[in-house]
């Protein structure tokens, strides 16, 4: 009877350990996927909301300078 109890407790401990390892592995993979997705979205938003408008303004400034320089002679 004691052997059966010890074996049951041992199998329970092994099962719990295996489940913890699987959950930790899946959690790490999910975290990596979410981080990659987040970085992609940050890049897209930064491009559309910051970099593109700034580039447009710099282009307008350059065109304005060119026009002023052309008028100066």
C-alpha atoms as a PDB file:
ATOM      1  CA  UNK A   1       0.000   0.000   0.000  1.00  0.00           C
ATOM      2  CA  UNK A   2       2.822   2.407   0.870  1.00  0.00           C
ATOM      3  CA  UNK A   3       4.484   1.726  -2.483  1.00  0.00           C
ATOM      4  CA  UNK A   4       1.269   2.657  -4.284  1.00  0.00           C
ATOM      5  CA  UNK A   5       1.016   5.946  -2.359  1.00  0.00           C
ATOM      6  CA  UNK A   6       4.665   6.807  -3.045  1.00  0.00           C
ATOM      7  CA  UNK A   7       4.302   5.976  -6.750  1.00  0.00           C
ATOM      8  CA  UNK A   8       1.119   8.039  -7.002  1.00  0.00           C
ATOM      9  CA  UNK A   9       2.756  11.017  -5.317  1.00  0.00           C
ATOM     10  CA  UNK A  10       5.839  10.621  -7.509  1.00  0.00           C
ATOM     11  CA  UNK A  11       3.765  10.510 -10.697  1.00  0.00           C
ATOM     12  CA  UNK A  12       1.804  13.540  -9.532  1.00  0.00           C
ATOM     13  CA  UNK A  13       5.027  15.468  -8.949  1.00  0.00           C
ATOM     14  CA  UNK A  14       6.396  14.455 -12.362  1.00  0.00           C
ATOM     15  CA  UNK A  15       3.141  15.415 -14.082  1.00  0.00           C
ATOM     16  CA  UNK A  16       3.070  18.795 -12.322  1.00  0.00           C
ATOM     17  CA  UNK A  17       6.688  19.458 -13.283  1.00  0.00           C
ATOM     18  CA  UNK A  18       6.053  18.533 -16.926  1.00  0.00           C
ATOM     19  CA  UNK A  19       2.958  20.753 -17.037  1.00  0.00           C
ATOM     20  CA  UNK A  20       4.865  23.693 -15.545  1.00  0.00           C
ATOM     21  CA  UNK A  21       7.603  23.257 -18.138  1.00  0.00           C
ATOM     22  CA  UNK A  22       5.103  23.138 -21.007  1.00  0.00           C
ATOM     23  CA  UNK A  23       3.282  26.223 -19.754  1.00  0.00           C
ATOM     24  CA  UNK A  24       6.562  28.122 -19.318  1.00  0.00           C
ATOM     25  CA  UNK A  25       7.682  27.171 -22.834  1.00  0.00           C
ATOM     26  CA  UNK A  26       4.388  28.176 -24.422  1.00  0.00           C
ATOM     27  CA  UNK A  27       4.331  31.388 -22.432  1.00  0.00           C
ATOM     28  CA  UNK A  28       7.828  32.307 -23.621  1.00  0.00           C
ATOM     29  CA  UNK A  29       6.898  31.586 -27.257  1.00  0.00           C
ATOM     30  CA  UNK A  30       3.723  33.645 -26.951  1.00  0.00           C
ATOM     31  CA  UNK A  31       5.670  36.491 -25.353  1.00  0.00           C
ATOM     32  CA  UNK A  32       8.183  36.454 -28.210  1.00  0.00           C
ATOM     33  CA  UNK A  33       5.389  36.534 -30.806  1.00  0.00           C
ATOM     34  CA  UNK A  34       3.650  39.392 -29.015  1.00  0.00           C
ATOM     35  CA  UNK A  35       6.894  41.363 -28.737  1.00  0.00           C
ATOM     36  CA  UNK A  36       7.574  40.914 -32.455  1.00  0.00           C
ATOM     37  CA  UNK A  37       4.023  42.006 -33.325  1.00  0.00           C
ATOM     38  CA  UNK A  38       4.297  45.009 -31.006  1.00  0.00           C
ATOM     39  CA  UNK A  39       7.605  46.100 -32.572  1.00  0.00           C
ATOM     40  CA  UNK A  40       6.128  45.805 -36.075  1.00  0.00           C
ATOM     41  CA  UNK A  41       3.132  47.942 -35.104  1.00  0.00           C
ATOM     42  CA  UNK A  42       5.345  50.534 -33.393  1.00  0.00           C
ATOM     43  CA  UNK A  43       7.423  50.755 -36.568  1.00  0.00           C
ATOM     44  CA  UNK A  44       4.312  51.195 -38.719  1.00  0.00           C
ATOM     45  CA  UNK A  45       2.823  53.861 -36.462  1.00  0.00           C
ATOM     46  CA  UNK A  46       6.121  55.726 -36.137  1.00  0.00           C
ATOM     47  CA  UNK A  47       6.509  55.716 -39.911  1.00  0.00           C
ATOM     48  CA  UNK A  48       2.995  56.940 -40.647  1.00  0.00           C
ATOM     49  CA  UNK A  49       2.528  59.376 -37.755  1.00  0.00           C
ATOM     50  CA  UNK A  50       6.037  60.793 -37.273  1.00  0.00           C
ATOM     51  CA  UNK A  51       8.590  60.013 -39.957  1.00  0.00           C
ATOM     52  CA  UNK A  52       6.419  60.543 -43.046  1.00  0.00           C
ATOM     53  CA  UNK A  53       5.001  63.910 -41.877  1.00  0.00           C
ATOM     54  CA  UNK A  54       8.462  65.137 -40.900  1.00  0.00           C
ATOM     55  CA  UNK A  55       9.849  64.053 -44.273  1.00  0.00           C
ATOM     56  CA  UNK A  56       7.004  65.926 -46.008  1.00  0.00           C
ATOM     57  CA  UNK A  57       7.752  69.084 -44.012  1.00  0.00           C
ATOM     58  CA  UNK A  58      11.464  68.830 -44.771  1.00  0.00           C
ATOM     59  CA  UNK A  59      10.641  68.450 -48.468  1.00  0.00           C
ATOM     60  CA  UNK A  60       8.438  71.570 -48.345  1.00  0.00           C
ATOM     61  CA  UNK A  61      11.196  73.499 -46.574  1.00  0.00           C
ATOM     62  CA  UNK A  62      13.729  72.435 -49.190  1.00  0.00           C
ATOM     63  CA  UNK A  63      11.379  73.481 -52.007  1.00  0.00           C
ATOM     64  CA  UNK A  64      10.786  76.824 -50.291  1.00  0.00           C
ATOM     65  CA  UNK A  65      14.540  77.392 -49.960  1.00  0.00           C
ATOM     66  CA  UNK A  66      14.990  76.515 -53.623  1.00  0.00           C
ATOM     67  CA  UNK A  67      12.311  79.050 -54.600  1.00  0.00           C
ATOM     68  CA  UNK A  68      13.849  81.736 -52.389  1.00  0.00           C
ATOM     69  CA  UNK A  69      17.304  81.043 -53.817  1.00  0.00           C
ATOM     70  CA  UNK A  70      15.871  81.216 -57.359  1.00  0.00           C
ATOM     71  CA  UNK A  71      14.241  84.561 -56.595  1.00  0.00           C
ATOM     72  CA  UNK A  72      17.471  85.921 -55.099  1.00  0.00           C
ATOM     73  CA  UNK A  73      19.248  85.126 -58.290  1.00  0.00           C
END
